[in-house]
C-alpha atoms as a PDB file:
ATOM      1  CA  MET A   1      63.673 122.446-325.707  1.00  0.00           C
ATOM      2  CA  GLN A   2      61.951 121.230-322.445  1.00  0.00           C
ATOM      3  CA  ILE A   3      58.170 121.635-322.310  1.00  0.00           C
ATOM      4  CA  ARG A   4      56.599 121.350-318.800  1.00  0.00           C
ATOM      5  CA  GLU A   5      52.987 121.384-318.125  1.00  0.00           C
ATOM      6  CA  SER A   6      51.432 123.098-314.983  1.00  0.00           C
ATOM      7  CA  LYS A   7      50.490 120.572-312.351  1.00  0.00           C
ATOM      8  CA  ILE A   8      48.827 120.270-308.882  1.00  0.00           C
ATOM      9  CA  VAL A   9      51.443 118.423-306.749  1.00  0.00           C
ATOM     10  CA  ASP A  10      52.042 117.924-302.972  1.00  0.00           C
ATOM     11  CA  VAL A  11      48.850 119.769-302.134  1.00  0.00           C
ATOM     12  CA  GLU A  12      47.333 119.660-298.567  1.00  0.00           C
ATOM     13  CA  SER A  13      43.599 120.665-299.045  1.00  0.00           C
ATOM     14  CA  GLY A  14      40.443 120.780-296.748  1.00  0.00           C
ATOM     15  CA  ALA A  15      37.050 119.772-297.897  1.00  0.00           C
ATOM     16  CA  ASN A  16      35.130 121.046-300.996  1.00  0.00           C
ATOM     17  CA  VAL A  17      38.315 122.818-302.567  1.00  0.00           C
ATOM     18  CA  VAL A  18      37.801 123.854-306.075  1.00  0.00           C
ATOM     19  CA  VAL A  19      40.724 124.419-308.401  1.00  0.00           C
ATOM     20  CA  ILE A  20      40.209 125.391-312.060  1.00  0.00           C
ATOM     21  CA  THR A  21      42.993 124.377-314.453  1.00  0.00           C
ATOM     22  CA  PRO A  22      45.304 124.960-315.866  1.00  0.00           C
ATOM     23  CA  SER A  23      46.970 126.137-312.556  1.00  0.00           C
ATOM     24  CA  ASN A  24      50.272 125.556-311.005  1.00  0.00           C
ATOM     25  CA  LEU A  25      50.309 124.577-307.329  1.00  0.00           C
ATOM     26  CA  TYR A  26      52.894 122.799-305.259  1.00  0.00           C
ATOM     27  CA  GLY A  27      53.495 122.370-301.567  1.00  0.00           C
ATOM     28  CA  CYS A  28      50.856 124.733-300.534  1.00  0.00           C
ATOM     29  CA  VAL A  29      47.954 124.282-297.895  1.00  0.00           C
ATOM     30  CA  LEU A  30      44.514 125.139-298.877  1.00  0.00           C
ATOM     31  CA  GLY A  31      41.672 125.317-296.256  1.00  0.00           C
ATOM     32  CA  ASP A  32      37.932 124.013-296.601  1.00  0.00           C
ATOM     33  CA  ASP A  33      35.844 125.602-299.482  1.00  0.00           C
ATOM     34  CA  VAL A  34      38.774 127.421-300.966  1.00  0.00           C
ATOM     35  CA  PHE A  35      38.206 128.365-304.642  1.00  0.00           C
ATOM     36  CA  VAL A  36      41.440 128.931-307.081  1.00  0.00           C
ATOM     37  CA  GLY A  37      40.614 130.203-310.716  1.00  0.00           C
ATOM     38  CA  PRO A  38      42.204 129.236-313.678  1.00  0.00           C
ATOM     39  CA  PHE A  39      45.911 130.439-314.680  1.00  0.00           C
ATOM     40  CA  CYS A  40      47.029 130.899-310.953  1.00  0.00           C
ATOM     41  CA  GLU A  41      50.207 129.736-309.357  1.00  0.00           C
ATOM     42  CA  ILE A  42      50.466 128.890-305.602  1.00  0.00           C
ATOM     43  CA  GLN A  43      53.978 128.108-304.632  1.00  0.00           C
ATOM     44  CA  ASP A  44      55.157 125.954-301.731  1.00  0.00           C
ATOM     45  CA  LYS A  45      54.900 127.145-298.220  1.00  0.00           C
ATOM     46  CA  VAL A  46      51.740 128.988-298.869  1.00  0.00           C
ATOM     47  CA  ARG A  47      48.595 128.534-296.398  1.00  0.00           C
ATOM     48  CA  VAL A  48      45.215 129.799-297.458  1.00  0.00           C
ATOM     49  CA  GLY A  49      42.572 129.773-295.111  1.00  0.00           C
ATOM     50  CA  ALA A  50      38.900 128.463-295.335  1.00  0.00           C
ATOM     51  CA  ARG A  51      36.360 129.974-297.628  1.00  0.00           C
ATOM     52  CA  THR A  52      39.131 132.036-299.390  1.00  0.00           C
ATOM     53  CA  ARG A  53      38.455 132.827-303.298  1.00  0.00           C
ATOM     54  CA  ILE A  54      41.513 133.226-305.471  1.00  0.00           C
ATOM     55  CA  GLN A  55      40.680 134.670-308.997  1.00  0.00           C
ATOM     56  CA  SER A  56      42.395 133.916-312.229  1.00  0.00           C
ATOM     57  CA  HIS A  57      45.971 134.867-313.083  1.00  0.00           C
ATOM     58  CA  SER A  58      47.049 135.503-309.595  1.00  0.00           C
ATOM     59  CA  PHE A  59      50.461 134.644-308.391  1.00  0.00           C
ATOM     60  CA  ILE A  60      51.119 133.666-304.678  1.00  0.00           C
ATOM     61  CA  CYS A  61      54.789 133.014-303.830  1.00  0.00           C
ATOM     62  CA  SER A  62      56.165 130.933-301.243  1.00  0.00           C
ATOM     63  CA  LEU A  63      55.955 132.477-297.554  1.00  0.00           C
ATOM     64  CA  VAL A  64      52.383 133.842-298.023  1.00  0.00           C
ATOM     65  CA  GLU A  65      49.885 133.241-295.607  1.00  0.00           C
ATOM     66  CA  ILE A  66      46.394 134.318-296.309  1.00  0.00           C
ATOM     67  CA  GLY A  67      43.694 134.310-293.756  1.00  0.00           C
ATOM     68  CA  GLN A  68      39.944 133.001-293.915  1.00  0.00           C
ATOM     69  CA  ASP A  69      37.086 134.547-295.811  1.00  0.00           C
ATOM     70  CA  CYS A  70      39.624 136.638-297.998  1.00  0.00           C
ATOM     71  CA  PHE A  71      39.016 137.495-301.672  1.00  0.00           C
ATOM     72  CA  ILE A  72      41.946 137.757-304.045  1.00  0.00           C
ATOM     73  CA  GLY A  73      41.005 139.555-307.213  1.00  0.00           C
ATOM     74  CA  HIS A  74      42.131 138.833-310.641  1.00  0.00           C
ATOM     75  CA  GLY A  75      45.964 139.216-311.489  1.00  0.00           C
ATOM     76  CA  VAL A  76      46.896 139.943-307.975  1.00  0.00           C
ATOM     77  CA  MET A  77      50.747 139.527-307.348  1.00  0.00           C
ATOM     78  CA  PHE A  78      52.402 138.598-304.248  1.00  0.00           C
ATOM     79  CA  VAL A  79      56.195 139.431-304.019  1.00  0.00           C
ATOM     80  CA  ASN A  80      58.824 137.625-301.553  1.00  0.00           C
ATOM     81  CA  ASP A  81      62.076 138.977-302.903  1.00  0.00           C
ATOM     82  CA  LEU A  82      62.546 142.775-302.550  1.00  0.00           C
ATOM     83  CA  PHE A  83      65.948 142.676-304.628  1.00  0.00           C
ATOM     84  CA  SER A  84      67.455 144.597-301.871  1.00  0.00           C
ATOM     85  CA  GLU A  85      70.977 143.842-303.262  1.00  0.00           C
ATOM     86  CA  GLY A  86      70.151 145.207-306.938  1.00  0.00           C
ATOM     87  CA  GLY A  87      69.076 141.812-308.257  1.00  0.00           C
ATOM     88  CA  PRO A  88      67.181 138.528-307.498  1.00  0.00           C
ATOM     89  CA  ALA A  89      68.381 137.053-303.870  1.00  0.00           C
ATOM     90  CA  ASP A  90      71.208 134.651-304.209  1.00  0.00           C
ATOM     91  CA  SER A  91      69.517 132.639-301.363  1.00  0.00           C
ATOM     92  CA  LYS A  92      65.920 131.892-300.250  1.00  0.00           C
ATOM     93  CA  THR A  93      66.925 132.665-296.690  1.00  0.00           C
ATOM     94  CA  LYS A  94      66.572 136.237-298.047  1.00  0.00           C
ATOM     95  CA  TRP A  95      62.975 136.093-298.837  1.00  0.00           C
ATOM     96  CA  ARG A  96      60.533 137.726-296.693  1.00  0.00           C
ATOM     97  CA  ALA A  97      56.947 136.426-295.510  1.00  0.00           C
ATOM     98  CA  THR A  98      53.539 138.221-296.006  1.00  0.00           C
ATOM     99  CA  LYS A  99      50.852 137.746-293.662  1.00  0.00           C
ATOM    100  CA  ILE A 100      47.331 138.539-294.746  1.00  0.00           C
ATOM    101  CA  GLY A 101      44.536 138.474-291.954  1.00  0.00           C
ATOM    102  CA  ASP A 102      40.940 137.326-292.150  1.00  0.00           C
ATOM    103  CA  LYS A 103      38.095 139.080-294.280  1.00  0.00           C
ATOM    104  CA  VAL A 104      40.667 140.739-296.438  1.00  0.00           C
ATOM    105  CA  SER A 105      39.822 141.767-300.112  1.00  0.00           C
ATOM    106  CA  ILE A 106      42.198 142.554-302.537  1.00  0.00           C
ATOM    107  CA  GLY A 107      41.505 144.363-305.625  1.00  0.00           C
ATOM    108  CA  SER A 108      42.351 143.310-309.244  1.00  0.00           C
ATOM    109  CA  ASN A 109      46.071 143.669-310.371  1.00  0.00           C
ATOM    110  CA  ALA A 110      47.350 144.670-306.980  1.00  0.00           C
ATOM    111  CA  THR A 111      50.905 144.155-305.971  1.00  0.00           C
ATOM    112  CA  ILE A 112      51.456 142.907-302.396  1.00  0.00           C
ATOM    113  CA  LEU A 113      55.021 143.452-301.086  1.00  0.00           C
ATOM    114  CA  PRO A 114      56.227 141.309-297.945  1.00  0.00           C
ATOM    115  CA  VAL A 115      53.984 142.995-295.276  1.00  0.00           C
ATOM    116  CA  SER A 116      51.252 142.110-292.626  1.00  0.00           C
ATOM    117  CA  ILE A 117      47.658 143.027-293.262  1.00  0.00           C
ATOM    118  CA  CYS A 118      45.303 143.115-290.535  1.00  0.00           C
ATOM    119  CA  ASP A 119      41.654 141.591-290.462  1.00  0.00           C
ATOM    120  CA  ASN A 120      38.910 143.521-292.189  1.00  0.00           C
ATOM    121  CA  VAL A 121      40.865 145.431-294.865  1.00  0.00           C
ATOM    122  CA  VAL A 122      39.811 146.240-298.536  1.00  0.00           C
ATOM    123  CA  ILE A 123      42.668 146.950-300.977  1.00  0.00           C
ATOM    124  CA  GLY A 124      41.725 148.652-304.337  1.00  0.00           C
ATOM    125  CA  ALA A 125      42.600 147.455-307.596  1.00  0.00           C
ATOM    126  CA  GLY A 126      45.902 148.140-308.748  1.00  0.00           C
ATOM    127  CA  SER A 127      47.233 149.295-305.535  1.00  0.00           C
ATOM    128  CA  VAL A 128      50.757 148.550-304.276  1.00  0.00           C
ATOM    129  CA  VAL A 129      51.104 147.670-300.557  1.00  0.00           C
ATOM    130  CA  THR A 130      54.629 148.569-299.523  1.00  0.00           C
ATOM    131  CA  LYS A 131      53.979 148.753-295.769  1.00  0.00           C
ATOM    132  CA  ASP A 132      52.189 146.822-292.908  1.00  0.00           C
ATOM    133  CA  ILE A 133      48.497 147.565-292.529  1.00  0.00           C
ATOM    134  CA  THR A 134      47.597 147.592-288.942  1.00  0.00           C
ATOM    135  CA  THR A 135      44.279 149.390-289.162  1.00  0.00           C
ATOM    136  CA  SER A 136      41.060 148.035-290.450  1.00  0.00           C
ATOM    137  CA  GLY A 137      39.754 149.954-293.632  1.00  0.00           C
ATOM    138  CA  PHE A 138      39.694 150.945-297.210  1.00  0.00           C
ATOM    139  CA  TYR A 139      43.296 151.401-298.844  1.00  0.00           C
ATOM    140  CA  ALA A 140      44.370 152.431-302.314  1.00  0.00           C
ATOM    141  CA  GLY A 141      47.109 153.895-304.343  1.00  0.00           C
ATOM    142  CA  ASN A 142      50.585 153.511-304.918  1.00  0.00           C
ATOM    143  CA  PRO A 143      51.806 153.341-302.227  1.00  0.00           C
ATOM    144  CA  ALA A 144      48.528 152.138-300.922  1.00  0.00           C
ATOM    145  CA  ARG A 145      47.257 154.595-298.144  1.00  0.00           C
ATOM    146  CA  LEU A 146      44.170 154.657-296.003  1.00  0.00           C
ATOM    147  CA  LEU A 147      41.174 156.259-297.483  1.00  0.00           C
ATOM    148  CA  ARG A 148      38.703 155.626-294.893  1.00  0.00           C
ATOM    149  CA  GLY A 149      37.916 153.391-291.900  1.00  0.00           C
ATOM    150  CA  MET A 150      35.363 150.408-291.921  1.00  0.00           C
ATOM    151  CA  GLU A 151      33.013 152.335-289.677  1.00  0.00           C
ATOM    152  CA  GLN A 152      32.526 154.956-292.394  1.00  0.00           C
ATOM    153  CA  ARG A 153      30.190 153.037-294.543  1.00  0.00           C
END
């Protein structure tokens, strides 16, 4: 049996970054004032913008870019492999990227497939985002759909 402990390795971070352990971070970039809660994994080739908060038990896989001033709730899962051939991709070249804009809030236990999400979006807890979001607003459901725009507060 092999036992490996979680680690923080090869992380480029800005000023005032806080990471609560245990967490597993490697090969990622964290902007100024980022907070990462416990029991998170942030893989290589991930970029997290300034002042973004990532709550506990979240998984951010390779090829995810998160903008500034975002909130990632507890247990949010990002996906980069769509199992398009009936199982896990046989090569990392088949993985797809995700881009999250600025001021995006993602509720607890949401799942984010490889998509682009524009600025100023709220994703409801438990939602599954399967398609690009190009209009600011509030989204929820499986698959996530627009509930209302930001101007309708």
